[in-house]
PDB file of N, CA and C in Angstrom:
ATOM      1  N   MET A   1      10.117  18.496   9.610  1.00  0.00           N
ATOM      2  CA  MET A   1      11.445  18.022  10.330  1.00  0.00           C
ATOM      3  C   MET A   1      11.624  16.562   9.614  1.00  0.00           C
ATOM      4  N   VAL A   2      11.547  16.342   8.964  1.00  0.00           N
ATOM      5  CA  VAL A   2      12.102  14.535   7.876  1.00  0.00           C
ATOM      6  C   VAL A   2      13.170  13.635   8.813  1.00  0.00           C
ATOM      7  N   THR A   3      12.530  12.906   9.157  1.00  0.00           N
ATOM      8  CA  THR A   3      13.822  12.493  10.058  1.00  0.00           C
ATOM      9  C   THR A   3      14.347  11.105   9.116  1.00  0.00           C
ATOM     10  N   ARG A   4      15.421  10.586   9.175  1.00  0.00           N
ATOM     11  CA  ARG A   4      15.797   9.691   8.784  1.00  0.00           C
ATOM     12  C   ARG A   4      15.003   8.545   8.263  1.00  0.00           C
ATOM     13  N   ARG A   5      14.656   8.108   9.421  1.00  0.00           N
ATOM     14  CA  ARG A   5      13.741   6.572   9.316  1.00  0.00           C
ATOM     15  C   ARG A   5      12.361   6.792   8.011  1.00  0.00           C
ATOM     16  N   GLN A   6      11.468   7.855   8.061  1.00  0.00           N
ATOM     17  CA  GLN A   6      11.067   8.680   7.365  1.00  0.00           C
ATOM     18  C   GLN A   6      11.497   9.004   5.377  1.00  0.00           C
ATOM     19  N   LYS A   7      13.176   8.982   5.783  1.00  0.00           N
ATOM     20  CA  LYS A   7      13.698   9.027   4.239  1.00  0.00           C
ATOM     21  C   LYS A   7      13.821   7.098   3.442  1.00  0.00           C
ATOM     22  N   GLN A   8      14.260   7.196   4.585  1.00  0.00           N
ATOM     23  CA  GLN A   8      13.690   5.402   4.737  1.00  0.00           C
ATOM     24  C   GLN A   8      12.856   4.333   4.153  1.00  0.00           C
ATOM     25  N   VAL A   9      11.909   5.218   4.759  1.00  0.00           N
ATOM     26  CA  VAL A   9      10.208   4.133   4.631  1.00  0.00           C
ATOM     27  C   VAL A   9      10.420   4.985   2.657  1.00  0.00           C
ATOM     28  N   SER A  10      10.578   6.063   3.172  1.00  0.00           N
ATOM     29  CA  SER A  10       9.907   7.242   1.525  1.00  0.00           C
ATOM     30  C   SER A  10      10.295   6.313   0.082  1.00  0.00           C
ATOM     31  N   SER A  11      12.089   6.022   0.368  1.00  0.00           N
ATOM     32  CA  SER A  11      13.284   5.076  -0.851  1.00  0.00           C
ATOM     33  C   SER A  11      12.471   3.861  -0.870  1.00  0.00           C
ATOM     34  N   LEU A  12      12.728   3.266   0.010  1.00  0.00           N
ATOM     35  CA  LEU A  12      11.915   2.087  -0.006  1.00  0.00           C
ATOM     36  C   LEU A  12      10.724   1.995  -1.024  1.00  0.00           C
ATOM     37  N   ILE A  13       9.672   2.758  -0.218  1.00  0.00           N
ATOM     38  CA  ILE A  13       8.452   2.737  -1.665  1.00  0.00           C
ATOM     39  C   ILE A  13       9.013   2.884  -2.425  1.00  0.00           C
ATOM     40  N   GLN A  14       9.676   3.832  -2.790  1.00  0.00           N
ATOM     41  CA  GLN A  14       9.349   4.717  -4.406  1.00  0.00           C
ATOM     42  C   GLN A  14      10.089   3.412  -4.652  1.00  0.00           C
ATOM     43  N   GLU A  15      10.836   2.241  -4.451  1.00  0.00           N
ATOM     44  CA  GLU A  15      11.667   1.516  -5.119  1.00  0.00           C
ATOM     45  C   GLU A  15      10.691   0.353  -5.133  1.00  0.00           C
ATOM     46  N   GLU A  16      10.305  -0.111  -4.680  1.00  0.00           N
ATOM     47  CA  GLU A  16       9.014  -1.219  -4.874  1.00  0.00           C
ATOM     48  C   GLU A  16       7.565  -0.723  -5.201  1.00  0.00           C
ATOM     49  N   LEU A  17       7.749   0.713  -5.420  1.00  0.00           N
ATOM     50  CA  LEU A  17       6.462   0.618  -6.427  1.00  0.00           C
ATOM     51  C   LEU A  17       6.813   1.027  -7.801  1.00  0.00           C
ATOM     52  N   GLY A  18       8.657   1.085  -8.014  1.00  0.00           N
ATOM     53  CA  GLY A  18       8.748   1.249  -9.449  1.00  0.00           C
ATOM     54  C   GLY A  18       9.084  -0.606  -9.966  1.00  0.00           C
ATOM     55  N   ASP A  19       9.471  -1.102  -8.821  1.00  0.00           N
ATOM     56  CA  ASP A  19       9.701  -2.479  -9.973  1.00  0.00           C
ATOM     57  C   ASP A  19       7.726  -2.968  -9.804  1.00  0.00           C
ATOM     58  N   LEU A  20       6.923  -2.387  -8.705  1.00  0.00           N
ATOM     59  CA  LEU A  20       5.531  -3.339  -9.451  1.00  0.00           C
ATOM     60  C   LEU A  20       4.777  -2.458 -10.415  1.00  0.00           C
ATOM     61  N   LEU A  21       4.983  -1.351 -10.677  1.00  0.00           N
ATOM     62  CA  LEU A  21       4.796  -1.183 -11.783  1.00  0.00           C
ATOM     63  C   LEU A  21       5.601  -1.553 -12.964  1.00  0.00           C
ATOM     64  N   GLU A  22       6.397  -1.933 -12.860  1.00  0.00           N
ATOM     65  CA  GLU A  22       7.313  -2.706 -13.929  1.00  0.00           C
ATOM     66  C   GLU A  22       7.322  -3.492 -14.061  1.00  0.00           C
ATOM     67  N   LYS A  23       6.687  -5.094 -12.918  1.00  0.00           N
ATOM     68  CA  LYS A  23       6.854  -6.143 -13.487  1.00  0.00           C
ATOM     69  C   LYS A  23       5.668  -7.245 -13.259  1.00  0.00           C
ATOM     70  N   ARG A  24       4.756  -6.410 -12.416  1.00  0.00           N
ATOM     71  CA  ARG A  24       3.309  -7.051 -11.780  1.00  0.00           C
ATOM     72  C   ARG A  24       2.036  -6.132 -12.541  1.00  0.00           C
ATOM     73  N   VAL A  25       2.595  -4.941 -12.526  1.00  0.00           N
ATOM     74  CA  VAL A  25       0.618  -3.546 -13.144  1.00  0.00           C
ATOM     75  C   VAL A  25       0.939  -4.270 -14.452  1.00  0.00           C
ATOM     76  N   SER A  26       0.032  -4.889 -15.129  1.00  0.00           N
ATOM     77  CA  SER A  26      -0.098  -4.857 -16.694  1.00  0.00           C
ATOM     78  C   SER A  26      -1.136  -3.799 -17.626  1.00  0.00           C
ATOM     79  N   ASP A  27      -1.944  -3.091 -16.256  1.00  0.00           N
ATOM     80  CA  ASP A  27      -2.479  -1.146 -17.104  1.00  0.00           C
ATOM     81  C   ASP A  27      -1.842  -0.644 -17.709  1.00  0.00           C
ATOM     82  N   PRO A  28      -1.733  -1.104 -19.535  1.00  0.00           N
ATOM     83  CA  PRO A  28      -0.791   0.067 -20.763  1.00  0.00           C
ATOM     84  C   PRO A  28      -1.720   1.527 -20.127  1.00  0.00           C
ATOM     85  N   ARG A  29      -2.180   1.994 -19.455  1.00  0.00           N
ATOM     86  CA  ARG A  29      -2.078   3.189 -19.339  1.00  0.00           C
ATOM     87  C   ARG A  29      -1.223   4.323 -17.870  1.00  0.00           C
ATOM     88  N   LEU A  30      -0.145   2.351 -17.131  1.00  0.00           N
ATOM     89  CA  LEU A  30       1.066   2.540 -16.131  1.00  0.00           C
ATOM     90  C   LEU A  30       1.867   2.216 -16.739  1.00  0.00           C
ATOM     91  N   ASP A  31       2.011   2.426 -18.618  1.00  0.00           N
ATOM     92  CA  ASP A  31       2.972   2.549 -18.575  1.00  0.00           C
ATOM     93  C   ASP A  31       4.459   3.066 -18.382  1.00  0.00           C
ATOM     94  N   LEU A  32       3.797   4.470 -18.802  1.00  0.00           N
ATOM     95  CA  LEU A  32       4.848   5.470 -18.561  1.00  0.00           C
ATOM     96  C   LEU A  32       4.445   6.103 -18.081  1.00  0.00           C
ATOM     97  N   VAL A  33       4.953   5.162 -16.600  1.00  0.00           N
ATOM     98  CA  VAL A  33       4.865   6.582 -16.005  1.00  0.00           C
ATOM     99  C   VAL A  33       5.704   5.768 -14.898  1.00  0.00           C
ATOM    100  N   THR A  34       6.865   7.236 -13.452  1.00  0.00           N
ATOM    101  CA  THR A  34       7.988   6.514 -13.131  1.00  0.00           C
ATOM    102  C   THR A  34       7.447   7.795 -12.001  1.00  0.00           C
ATOM    103  N   ILE A  35       7.887   6.583 -10.847  1.00  0.00           N
ATOM    104  CA  ILE A  35       7.414   7.580  -9.681  1.00  0.00           C
ATOM    105  C   ILE A  35       8.663   8.696  -9.586  1.00  0.00           C
ATOM    106  N   THR A  36       8.390   9.607  -8.908  1.00  0.00           N
ATOM    107  CA  THR A  36       9.659  10.362  -8.509  1.00  0.00           C
ATOM    108  C   THR A  36       9.396  10.988  -6.770  1.00  0.00           C
ATOM    109  N   ALA A  37       8.823  10.465  -6.924  1.00  0.00           N
ATOM    110  CA  ALA A  37       9.228  10.488  -5.311  1.00  0.00           C
ATOM    111  C   ALA A  37       8.006  10.432  -4.008  1.00  0.00           C
ATOM    112  N   VAL A  38       8.052  10.295  -3.160  1.00  0.00           N
ATOM    113  CA  VAL A  38       7.345   9.183  -1.939  1.00  0.00           C
ATOM    114  C   VAL A  38       7.738  10.277  -1.012  1.00  0.00           C
ATOM    115  N   GLU A  39       6.231  11.205  -0.145  1.00  0.00           N
ATOM    116  CA  GLU A  39       6.401  11.581   1.092  1.00  0.00           C
ATOM    117  C   GLU A  39       6.142  10.493   2.120  1.00  0.00           C
ATOM    118  N   VAL A  40       6.753  10.066   3.739  1.00  0.00           N
ATOM    119  CA  VAL A  40       5.466   9.215   4.412  1.00  0.00           C
ATOM    120  C   VAL A  40       5.488  10.376   5.564  1.00  0.00           C
ATOM    121  N   SER A  41       4.703  10.303   5.958  1.00  0.00           N
ATOM    122  CA  SER A  41       4.298  10.914   7.311  1.00  0.00           C
ATOM    123  C   SER A  41       4.671  10.391   8.821  1.00  0.00           C
ATOM    124  N   PRO A  42       5.367  11.743   9.176  1.00  0.00           N
ATOM    125  CA  PRO A  42       5.825  11.359  10.795  1.00  0.00           C
ATOM    126  C   PRO A  42       5.569   9.655  11.050  1.00  0.00           C
ATOM    127  N   ASP A  43       4.186   9.673  11.364  1.00  0.00           N
ATOM    128  CA  ASP A  43       4.249   8.157  11.770  1.00  0.00           C
ATOM    129  C   ASP A  43       3.811   7.194  10.909  1.00  0.00           C
ATOM    130  N   LEU A  44       4.151   7.593  10.309  1.00  0.00           N
ATOM    131  CA  LEU A  44       4.021   6.236   9.275  1.00  0.00           C
ATOM    132  C   LEU A  44       3.831   5.323   8.118  1.00  0.00           C
ATOM    133  N   ARG A  45       2.047   5.945   8.959  1.00  0.00           N
ATOM    134  CA  ARG A  45       0.292   5.669   8.830  1.00  0.00           C
ATOM    135  C   ARG A  45       0.282   5.776   6.741  1.00  0.00           C
ATOM    136  N   GLN A  46       0.942   6.816   6.317  1.00  0.00           N
ATOM    137  CA  GLN A  46      -0.279   7.259   4.824  1.00  0.00           C
ATOM    138  C   GLN A  46       1.325   7.846   4.737  1.00  0.00           C
ATOM    139  N   ALA A  47       1.485   7.528   3.220  1.00  0.00           N
ATOM    140  CA  ALA A  47       2.466   8.318   2.164  1.00  0.00           C
ATOM    141  C   ALA A  47       1.787   8.537   1.059  1.00  0.00           C
ATOM    142  N   ARG A  48       2.146   9.883   0.490  1.00  0.00           N
ATOM    143  CA  ARG A  48       1.839  10.969  -0.502  1.00  0.00           C
ATOM    144  C   ARG A  48       2.956  10.654  -1.647  1.00  0.00           C
ATOM    145  N   VAL A  49       2.818   9.601  -3.414  1.00  0.00           N
ATOM    146  CA  VAL A  49       3.441   9.343  -3.414  1.00  0.00           C
ATOM    147  C   VAL A  49       3.111  10.274  -5.194  1.00  0.00           C
ATOM    148  N   TYR A  50       4.817  11.033  -5.691  1.00  0.00           N
ATOM    149  CA  TYR A  50       4.230  11.815  -6.758  1.00  0.00           C
ATOM    150  C   TYR A  50       4.788  10.962  -7.878  1.00  0.00           C
ATOM    151  N   VAL A  51       3.819  11.275  -9.273  1.00  0.00           N
ATOM    152  CA  VAL A  51       4.205  10.857 -10.673  1.00  0.00           C
ATOM    153  C   VAL A  51       4.889  11.618 -11.825  1.00  0.00           C
ATOM    154  N   SER A  52       5.287  10.883 -12.646  1.00  0.00           N
ATOM    155  CA  SER A  52       5.838  11.900 -13.981  1.00  0.00           C
ATOM    156  C   SER A  52       4.892  10.732 -15.303  1.00  0.00           C
ATOM    157  N   THR A  53       4.507  11.399 -16.088  1.00  0.00           N
ATOM    158  CA  THR A  53       4.043  10.346 -17.262  1.00  0.00           C
ATOM    159  C   THR A  53       3.083  10.796 -18.669  1.00  0.00           C
ATOM    160  N   MET A  54       4.328  10.211 -20.027  1.00  0.00           N
ATOM    161  CA  MET A  54       4.415  10.919 -20.955  1.00  0.00           C
ATOM    162  C   MET A  54       3.499  10.785 -21.502  1.00  0.00           C
ATOM    163  N   GLY A  55       2.314   9.669 -20.647  1.00  0.00           N
ATOM    164  CA  GLY A  55       0.533   9.629 -21.449  1.00  0.00           C
ATOM    165  C   GLY A  55       0.066  10.636 -20.682  1.00  0.00           C
ATOM    166  N   ASN A  56      -1.525  10.500 -21.371  1.00  0.00           N
ATOM    167  CA  ASN A  56      -3.015  11.519 -20.371  1.00  0.00           C
ATOM    168  C   ASN A  56      -2.380  11.251 -18.825  1.00  0.00           C
ATOM    169  N   GLN A  57      -2.636  12.256 -18.760  1.00  0.00           N
ATOM    170  CA  GLN A  57      -3.087  12.577 -17.168  1.00  0.00           C
ATOM    171  C   GLN A  57      -3.663  11.917 -16.432  1.00  0.00           C
ATOM    172  N   GLN A  58      -5.129  11.985 -17.116  1.00  0.00           N
ATOM    173  CA  GLN A  58      -6.558  11.969 -16.669  1.00  0.00           C
ATOM    174  C   GLN A  58      -6.183  10.506 -17.187  1.00  0.00           C
ATOM    175  N   GLU A  59      -5.602   9.533 -17.813  1.00  0.00           N
ATOM    176  CA  GLU A  59      -5.755   7.746 -18.469  1.00  0.00           C
ATOM    177  C   GLU A  59      -5.137   7.263 -16.679  1.00  0.00           C
ATOM    178  N   VAL A  60      -3.324   8.272 -16.421  1.00  0.00           N
ATOM    179  CA  VAL A  60      -2.569   7.709 -15.475  1.00  0.00           C
ATOM    180  C   VAL A  60      -3.398   8.004 -14.467  1.00  0.00           C
ATOM    181  N   MET A  61      -3.987   8.986 -13.557  1.00  0.00           N
ATOM    182  CA  MET A  61      -4.689   8.907 -12.454  1.00  0.00           C
ATOM    183  C   MET A  61      -6.247   7.608 -12.899  1.00  0.00           C
ATOM    184  N   GLU A  62      -6.588   7.248 -13.779  1.00  0.00           N
ATOM    185  CA  GLU A  62      -7.720   6.405 -13.544  1.00  0.00           C
ATOM    186  C   GLU A  62      -7.171   4.598 -13.067  1.00  0.00           C
ATOM    187  N   GLY A  63      -5.671   4.390 -13.895  1.00  0.00           N
ATOM    188  CA  GLY A  63      -5.159   3.352 -13.692  1.00  0.00           C
ATOM    189  C   GLY A  63      -4.672   3.277 -13.051  1.00  0.00           C
ATOM    190  N   PHE A  64      -4.115   4.016 -11.381  1.00  0.00           N
ATOM    191  CA  PHE A  64      -3.431   4.122 -10.555  1.00  0.00           C
ATOM    192  C   PHE A  64      -5.411   3.270  -9.596  1.00  0.00           C
ATOM    193  N   ASN A  65      -5.928   4.643 -10.047  1.00  0.00           N
ATOM    194  CA  ASN A  65      -7.466   3.871  -8.360  1.00  0.00           C
ATOM    195  C   ASN A  65      -7.724   2.792  -9.022  1.00  0.00           C
ATOM    196  N   ARG A  66      -7.512   2.268 -10.653  1.00  0.00           N
ATOM    197  CA  ARG A  66      -8.165   0.599 -10.586  1.00  0.00           C
ATOM    198  C   ARG A  66      -7.304  -0.483  -9.633  1.00  0.00           C
ATOM    199  N   ALA A  67      -5.734   0.627  -9.477  1.00  0.00           N
ATOM    200  CA  ALA A  67      -4.998  -0.319  -9.476  1.00  0.00           C
ATOM    201  C   ALA A  67      -4.180  -0.354  -7.749  1.00  0.00           C
ATOM    202  N   ALA A  68      -5.166   0.512  -7.568  1.00  0.00           N
ATOM    203  CA  ALA A  68      -4.721   0.809  -6.212  1.00  0.00           C
ATOM    204  C   ALA A  68      -4.788  -0.358  -5.039  1.00  0.00           C
ATOM    205  N   GLY A  69      -5.729  -1.202  -4.569  1.00  0.00           N
ATOM    206  CA  GLY A  69      -6.054  -2.437  -4.043  1.00  0.00           C
ATOM    207  C   GLY A  69      -4.885  -3.286  -4.118  1.00  0.00           C
ATOM    208  N   PHE A  70      -4.567  -4.076  -5.641  1.00  0.00           N
ATOM    209  CA  PHE A  70      -3.041  -4.457  -5.738  1.00  0.00           C
ATOM    210  C   PHE A  70      -1.847  -3.619  -4.938  1.00  0.00           C
ATOM    211  N   LEU A  71      -2.130  -2.202  -5.542  1.00  0.00           N
ATOM    212  CA  LEU A  71      -0.811  -1.785  -5.001  1.00  0.00           C
ATOM    213  C   LEU A  71      -0.862  -1.605  -3.847  1.00  0.00           C
ATOM    214  N   ARG A  72      -1.676  -1.389  -3.066  1.00  0.00           N
ATOM    215  CA  ARG A  72      -1.854  -1.985  -1.526  1.00  0.00           C
ATOM    216  C   ARG A  72      -0.731  -2.471  -0.960  1.00  0.00           C
ATOM    217  N   ARG A  73      -1.749  -3.607  -1.439  1.00  0.00           N
ATOM    218  CA  ARG A  73      -1.203  -4.855  -0.985  1.00  0.00           C
ATOM    219  C   ARG A  73      -0.259  -5.969  -1.088  1.00  0.00           C
ATOM    220  N   GLU A  74       0.162  -5.877  -2.380  1.00  0.00           N
ATOM    221  CA  GLU A  74       1.844  -6.255  -2.467  1.00  0.00           C
ATOM    222  C   GLU A  74       3.410  -4.958  -1.673  1.00  0.00           C
ATOM    223  N   LEU A  75       2.446  -3.786  -1.370  1.00  0.00           N
ATOM    224  CA  LEU A  75       3.448  -3.288  -0.349  1.00  0.00           C
ATOM    225  C   LEU A  75       3.608  -3.429   0.553  1.00  0.00           C
ATOM    226  N   ALA A  76       2.188  -3.366   0.880  1.00  0.00           N
ATOM    227  CA  ALA A  76       1.855  -3.802   2.139  1.00  0.00           C
ATOM    228  C   ALA A  76       2.806  -6.044   2.559  1.00  0.00           C
ATOM    229  N   SER A  77       2.819  -6.081   1.626  1.00  0.00           N
ATOM    230  CA  SER A  77       3.674  -7.973   1.933  1.00  0.00           C
ATOM    231  C   SER A  77       4.886  -8.221   1.923  1.00  0.00           C
ATOM    232  N   ARG A  78       5.652  -7.154   1.314  1.00  0.00           N
ATOM    233  CA  ARG A  78       6.890  -6.522   0.257  1.00  0.00           C
ATOM    234  C   ARG A  78       7.343  -5.973   2.106  1.00  0.00           C
ATOM    235  N   LEU A  79       6.762  -4.969   2.546  1.00  0.00           N
ATOM    236  CA  LEU A  79       7.082  -3.878   3.696  1.00  0.00           C
ATOM    237  C   LEU A  79       7.851  -4.513   4.873  1.00  0.00           C
ATOM    238  N   HIS A  80       6.798  -5.976   5.296  1.00  0.00           N
ATOM    239  CA  HIS A  80       6.915  -6.629   7.331  1.00  0.00           C
ATOM    240  C   HIS A  80       7.913  -7.581   6.683  1.00  0.00           C
TER     241      HIS A  80
END
């Protein structure tokens, strides 16, 4: 069962990731990406992010892997 806190954190992560992708990430592979959902573990330590894209799926995943450190760092600073 998903708790109210998990839903709040999921929503916040989805909003912040969308903002980061729109304003701070300059990788053209991530231009046509939409964050569709975020699932957070019960202990709030892990999140699974679901995306939708109009581009090449392989290139999008490469772009996310390349930007992963930046996105984690920015999320950590924004969520505290």
